[in-house]
Amino acid sequence: MIELVPFGAFVRVDGVDGLAPGSEWPTTPETGNRLRARILAIDPVLRRFSLGLA
């Protein structure tokens, strides 16, 4: 699941929520585009992560 918001995108992978901040993107992705991402940070206690473009 991906939900675009003004400051980036929320991503859910296997029940874990993540945020891909818009500041990491050179342009706003279009629906259906694939992006290669890297994990910037993981919070195992809150079960969430932050992504950036690879």
PDB file of N, CA and C in Angstrom:
ATOM      1  N   MET A   1       0.831  -1.174   0.000  1.00  0.00           N
ATOM      2  CA  MET A   1       0.000   0.000   0.000  1.00  0.00           C
ATOM      3  C   MET A   1       0.880   1.243   0.000  1.00  0.00           C
ATOM      4  N   ILE A   2       0.544   2.202  -0.833  1.00  0.00           N
ATOM      5  CA  ILE A   2       1.254   3.474  -0.880  1.00  0.00           C
ATOM      6  C   ILE A   2       0.219   4.588  -0.856  1.00  0.00           C
ATOM      7  N   GLU A   3       0.452   5.581  -0.004  1.00  0.00           N
ATOM      8  CA  GLU A   3      -0.436   6.735   0.059  1.00  0.00           C
ATOM      9  C   GLU A   3       0.415   7.995  -0.061  1.00  0.00           C
ATOM     10  N   LEU A   4       0.235   8.739  -1.162  1.00  0.00           N
ATOM     11  CA  LEU A   4       0.970   9.981  -1.354  1.00  0.00           C
ATOM     12  C   LEU A   4       0.373  11.079  -0.484  1.00  0.00           C
ATOM     13  N   VAL A   5       1.238  11.828   0.169  1.00  0.00           N
ATOM     14  CA  VAL A   5       0.852  12.978   0.995  1.00  0.00           C
ATOM     15  C   VAL A   5       1.761  14.141   0.598  1.00  0.00           C
ATOM     16  N   PRO A   6       1.440  15.370   0.972  1.00  0.00           N
ATOM     17  CA  PRO A   6       2.238  16.521   0.530  1.00  0.00           C
ATOM     18  C   PRO A   6       3.730  16.449   0.887  1.00  0.00           C
ATOM     19  N   PHE A   7       4.079  15.752   1.950  1.00  0.00           N
ATOM     20  CA  PHE A   7       5.478  15.698   2.385  1.00  0.00           C
ATOM     21  C   PHE A   7       6.174  14.383   2.047  1.00  0.00           C
ATOM     22  N   GLY A   8       5.536  13.514   1.257  1.00  0.00           N
ATOM     23  CA  GLY A   8       6.143  12.252   0.876  1.00  0.00           C
ATOM     24  C   GLY A   8       5.111  11.182   0.621  1.00  0.00           C
ATOM     25  N   ALA A   9       5.426   9.959   1.044  1.00  0.00           N
ATOM     26  CA  ALA A   9       4.502   8.845   0.846  1.00  0.00           C
ATOM     27  C   ALA A   9       4.604   7.885   2.024  1.00  0.00           C
ATOM     28  N   PHE A  10       3.459   7.406   2.460  1.00  0.00           N
ATOM     29  CA  PHE A  10       3.423   6.343   3.444  1.00  0.00           C
ATOM     30  C   PHE A  10       3.409   5.023   2.690  1.00  0.00           C
ATOM     31  N   VAL A  11       4.190   4.067   3.183  1.00  0.00           N
ATOM     32  CA  VAL A  11       4.334   2.768   2.530  1.00  0.00           C
ATOM     33  C   VAL A  11       4.098   1.692   3.580  1.00  0.00           C
ATOM     34  N   ARG A  12       3.377   0.633   3.223  1.00  0.00           N
ATOM     35  CA  ARG A  12       3.205  -0.503   4.133  1.00  0.00           C
ATOM     36  C   ARG A  12       3.779  -1.739   3.455  1.00  0.00           C
ATOM     37  N   VAL A  13       4.709  -2.400   4.143  1.00  0.00           N
ATOM     38  CA  VAL A  13       5.343  -3.614   3.636  1.00  0.00           C
ATOM     39  C   VAL A  13       5.190  -4.686   4.704  1.00  0.00           C
ATOM     40  N   ASP A  14       4.507  -5.767   4.381  1.00  0.00           N
ATOM     41  CA  ASP A  14       4.294  -6.879   5.320  1.00  0.00           C
ATOM     42  C   ASP A  14       3.805  -6.410   6.682  1.00  0.00           C
ATOM     43  N   GLY A  15       2.867  -5.469   6.702  1.00  0.00           N
ATOM     44  CA  GLY A  15       2.280  -5.004   7.944  1.00  0.00           C
ATOM     45  C   GLY A  15       3.104  -3.993   8.717  1.00  0.00           C
ATOM     46  N   VAL A  16       4.226  -3.563   8.158  1.00  0.00           N
ATOM     47  CA  VAL A  16       5.084  -2.568   8.811  1.00  0.00           C
ATOM     48  C   VAL A  16       4.960  -1.263   8.038  1.00  0.00           C
ATOM     49  N   ASP A  17       4.699  -0.148   8.754  1.00  0.00           N
ATOM     50  CA  ASP A  17       4.516   1.153   8.121  1.00  0.00           C
ATOM     51  C   ASP A  17       5.845   1.857   7.926  1.00  0.00           C
ATOM     52  N   GLY A  18       5.939   2.572   6.806  1.00  0.00           N
ATOM     53  CA  GLY A  18       7.139   3.331   6.516  1.00  0.00           C
ATOM     54  C   GLY A  18       6.800   4.675   5.911  1.00  0.00           C
ATOM     55  N   LEU A  19       7.784   5.578   5.920  1.00  0.00           N
ATOM     56  CA  LEU A  19       7.633   6.888   5.313  1.00  0.00           C
ATOM     57  C   LEU A  19       8.776   7.107   4.346  1.00  0.00           C
ATOM     58  N   ALA A  20       8.440   7.521   3.146  1.00  0.00           N
ATOM     59  CA  ALA A  20       9.426   7.924   2.153  1.00  0.00           C
ATOM     60  C   ALA A  20       9.297   9.443   2.028  1.00  0.00           C
ATOM     61  N   PRO A  21      10.172  10.215   2.701  1.00  0.00           N
ATOM     62  CA  PRO A  21      10.046  11.664   2.689  1.00  0.00           C
ATOM     63  C   PRO A  21      10.204  12.247   1.287  1.00  0.00           C
ATOM     64  N   GLY A  22       9.375  13.218   0.959  1.00  0.00           N
ATOM     65  CA  GLY A  22       9.439  13.866  -0.345  1.00  0.00           C
ATOM     66  C   GLY A  22      10.773  14.542  -0.605  1.00  0.00           C
ATOM     67  N   SER A  23      11.482  14.933   0.452  1.00  0.00           N
ATOM     68  CA  SER A  23      12.788  15.578   0.286  1.00  0.00           C
ATOM     69  C   SER A  23      13.819  14.636  -0.325  1.00  0.00           C
ATOM     70  N   GLU A  24      13.549  13.339  -0.332  1.00  0.00           N
ATOM     71  CA  GLU A  24      14.456  12.342  -0.909  1.00  0.00           C
ATOM     72  C   GLU A  24      14.242  12.154  -2.412  1.00  0.00           C
ATOM     73  N   TRP A  25      13.159  12.704  -2.965  1.00  0.00           N
ATOM     74  CA  TRP A  25      12.811  12.471  -4.359  1.00  0.00           C
ATOM     75  C   TRP A  25      13.197  13.659  -5.227  1.00  0.00           C
ATOM     76  N   PRO A  26      13.785  13.423  -6.390  1.00  0.00           N
ATOM     77  CA  PRO A  26      14.067  14.546  -7.303  1.00  0.00           C
ATOM     78  C   PRO A  26      12.779  15.096  -7.927  1.00  0.00           C
ATOM     79  N   THR A  27      11.797  14.236  -8.156  1.00  0.00           N
ATOM     80  CA  THR A  27      10.487  14.634  -8.678  1.00  0.00           C
ATOM     81  C   THR A  27       9.427  13.783  -7.998  1.00  0.00           C
ATOM     82  N   THR A  28       8.188  14.207  -8.045  1.00  0.00           N
ATOM     83  CA  THR A  28       7.100  13.433  -7.463  1.00  0.00           C
ATOM     84  C   THR A  28       6.806  12.231  -8.354  1.00  0.00           C
ATOM     85  N   PRO A  29       6.827  11.018  -7.806  1.00  0.00           N
ATOM     86  CA  PRO A  29       6.543   9.837  -8.634  1.00  0.00           C
ATOM     87  C   PRO A  29       5.076   9.800  -9.050  1.00  0.00           C
ATOM     88  N   GLU A  30       4.829   9.168 -10.174  1.00  0.00           N
ATOM     89  CA  GLU A  30       3.463   9.000 -10.655  1.00  0.00           C
ATOM     90  C   GLU A  30       2.947   7.630 -10.226  1.00  0.00           C
ATOM     91  N   THR A  31       1.645   7.515 -10.083  1.00  0.00           N
ATOM     92  CA  THR A  31       1.022   6.260  -9.710  1.00  0.00           C
ATOM     93  C   THR A  31       1.438   5.169 -10.687  1.00  0.00           C
ATOM     94  N   GLY A  32       1.835   4.030 -10.171  1.00  0.00           N
ATOM     95  CA  GLY A  32       2.228   2.897 -11.004  1.00  0.00           C
ATOM     96  C   GLY A  32       3.717   2.830 -11.278  1.00  0.00           C
ATOM     97  N   ASN A  33       4.464   3.902 -11.004  1.00  0.00           N
ATOM     98  CA  ASN A  33       5.912   3.879 -11.213  1.00  0.00           C
ATOM     99  C   ASN A  33       6.576   3.025 -10.143  1.00  0.00           C
ATOM    100  N   ARG A  34       7.648   2.362 -10.519  1.00  0.00           N
ATOM    101  CA  ARG A  34       8.445   1.607  -9.558  1.00  0.00           C
ATOM    102  C   ARG A  34       9.645   2.447  -9.177  1.00  0.00           C
ATOM    103  N   LEU A  35       9.991   2.387  -7.902  1.00  0.00           N
ATOM    104  CA  LEU A  35      11.143   3.124  -7.406  1.00  0.00           C
ATOM    105  C   LEU A  35      12.054   2.163  -6.662  1.00  0.00           C
ATOM    106  N   ARG A  36      13.342   2.376  -6.780  1.00  0.00           N
ATOM    107  CA  ARG A  36      14.310   1.600  -6.006  1.00  0.00           C
ATOM    108  C   ARG A  36      14.609   2.427  -4.754  1.00  0.00           C
ATOM    109  N   ALA A  37      14.436   1.812  -3.586  1.00  0.00           N
ATOM    110  CA  ALA A  37      14.584   2.538  -2.331  1.00  0.00           C
ATOM    111  C   ALA A  37      15.618   1.874  -1.433  1.00  0.00           C
ATOM    112  N   ARG A  38      16.090   2.648  -0.463  1.00  0.00           N
ATOM    113  CA  ARG A  38      16.999   2.128   0.561  1.00  0.00           C
ATOM    114  C   ARG A  38      16.409   2.486   1.918  1.00  0.00           C
ATOM    115  N   ILE A  39      16.692   1.686   2.906  1.00  0.00           N
ATOM    116  CA  ILE A  39      16.196   1.939   4.255  1.00  0.00           C
ATOM    117  C   ILE A  39      17.114   2.957   4.919  1.00  0.00           C
ATOM    118  N   LEU A  40      16.537   4.061   5.406  1.00  0.00           N
ATOM    119  CA  LEU A  40      17.300   5.096   6.103  1.00  0.00           C
ATOM    120  C   LEU A  40      17.328   4.853   7.606  1.00  0.00           C
ATOM    121  N   ALA A  41      16.214   4.386   8.152  1.00  0.00           N
ATOM    122  CA  ALA A  41      16.120   4.144   9.600  1.00  0.00           C
ATOM    123  C   ALA A  41      15.038   3.115   9.880  1.00  0.00           C
ATOM    124  N   ILE A  42      15.221   2.358  10.951  1.00  0.00           N
ATOM    125  CA  ILE A  42      14.251   1.358  11.391  1.00  0.00           C
ATOM    126  C   ILE A  42      13.960   1.594  12.873  1.00  0.00           C
ATOM    127  N   ASP A  43      12.680   1.568  13.237  1.00  0.00           N
ATOM    128  CA  ASP A  43      12.267   1.650  14.636  1.00  0.00           C
ATOM    129  C   ASP A  43      11.503   0.362  14.948  1.00  0.00           C
ATOM    130  N   PRO A  44      12.199  -0.655  15.504  1.00  0.00           N
ATOM    131  CA  PRO A  44      11.540  -1.939  15.756  1.00  0.00           C
ATOM    132  C   PRO A  44      10.472  -1.863  16.847  1.00  0.00           C
ATOM    133  N   VAL A  45      10.612  -0.947  17.784  1.00  0.00           N
ATOM    134  CA  VAL A  45       9.629  -0.835  18.863  1.00  0.00           C
ATOM    135  C   VAL A  45       8.291  -0.340  18.307  1.00  0.00           C
ATOM    136  N   LEU A  46       8.328   0.693  17.477  1.00  0.00           N
ATOM    137  CA  LEU A  46       7.105   1.241  16.884  1.00  0.00           C
ATOM    138  C   LEU A  46       6.726   0.558  15.569  1.00  0.00           C
ATOM    139  N   ARG A  47       7.568  -0.377  15.117  1.00  0.00           N
ATOM    140  CA  ARG A  47       7.345  -1.120  13.874  1.00  0.00           C
ATOM    141  C   ARG A  47       7.137  -0.182  12.690  1.00  0.00           C
ATOM    142  N   ARG A  48       8.139   0.662  12.439  1.00  0.00           N
ATOM    143  CA  ARG A  48       8.082   1.543  11.284  1.00  0.00           C
ATOM    144  C   ARG A  48       9.488   1.793  10.770  1.00  0.00           C
ATOM    145  N   PHE A  49       9.567   2.333   9.555  1.00  0.00           N
ATOM    146  CA  PHE A  49      10.849   2.578   8.922  1.00  0.00           C
ATOM    147  C   PHE A  49      10.768   3.828   8.062  1.00  0.00           C
ATOM    148  N   SER A  50      11.930   4.306   7.651  1.00  0.00           N
ATOM    149  CA  SER A  50      12.021   5.466   6.765  1.00  0.00           C
ATOM    150  C   SER A  50      12.806   5.038   5.535  1.00  0.00           C
ATOM    151  N   LEU A  51      12.324   5.447   4.361  1.00  0.00           N
ATOM    152  CA  LEU A  51      12.953   5.084   3.091  1.00  0.00           C
ATOM    153  C   LEU A  51      13.492   6.301   2.366  1.00  0.00           C
ATOM    154  N   GLY A  52      14.519   6.075   1.573  1.00  0.00           N
ATOM    155  CA  GLY A  52      15.065   7.086   0.668  1.00  0.00           C
ATOM    156  C   GLY A  52      15.312   6.433  -0.671  1.00  0.00           C
ATOM    157  N   LEU A  53      15.491   7.226  -1.701  1.00  0.00           N
ATOM    158  CA  LEU A  53      15.767   6.659  -3.020  1.00  0.00           C
ATOM    159  C   LEU A  53      17.172   6.063  -3.052  1.00  0.00           C
ATOM    160  N   ALA A  54      17.306   4.928  -3.717  1.00  0.00           N
ATOM    161  CA  ALA A  54      18.604   4.254  -3.822  1.00  0.00           C
ATOM    162  C   ALA A  54      19.435   4.874  -4.907  1.00  0.00           C
TER     163      ALA A  54
END
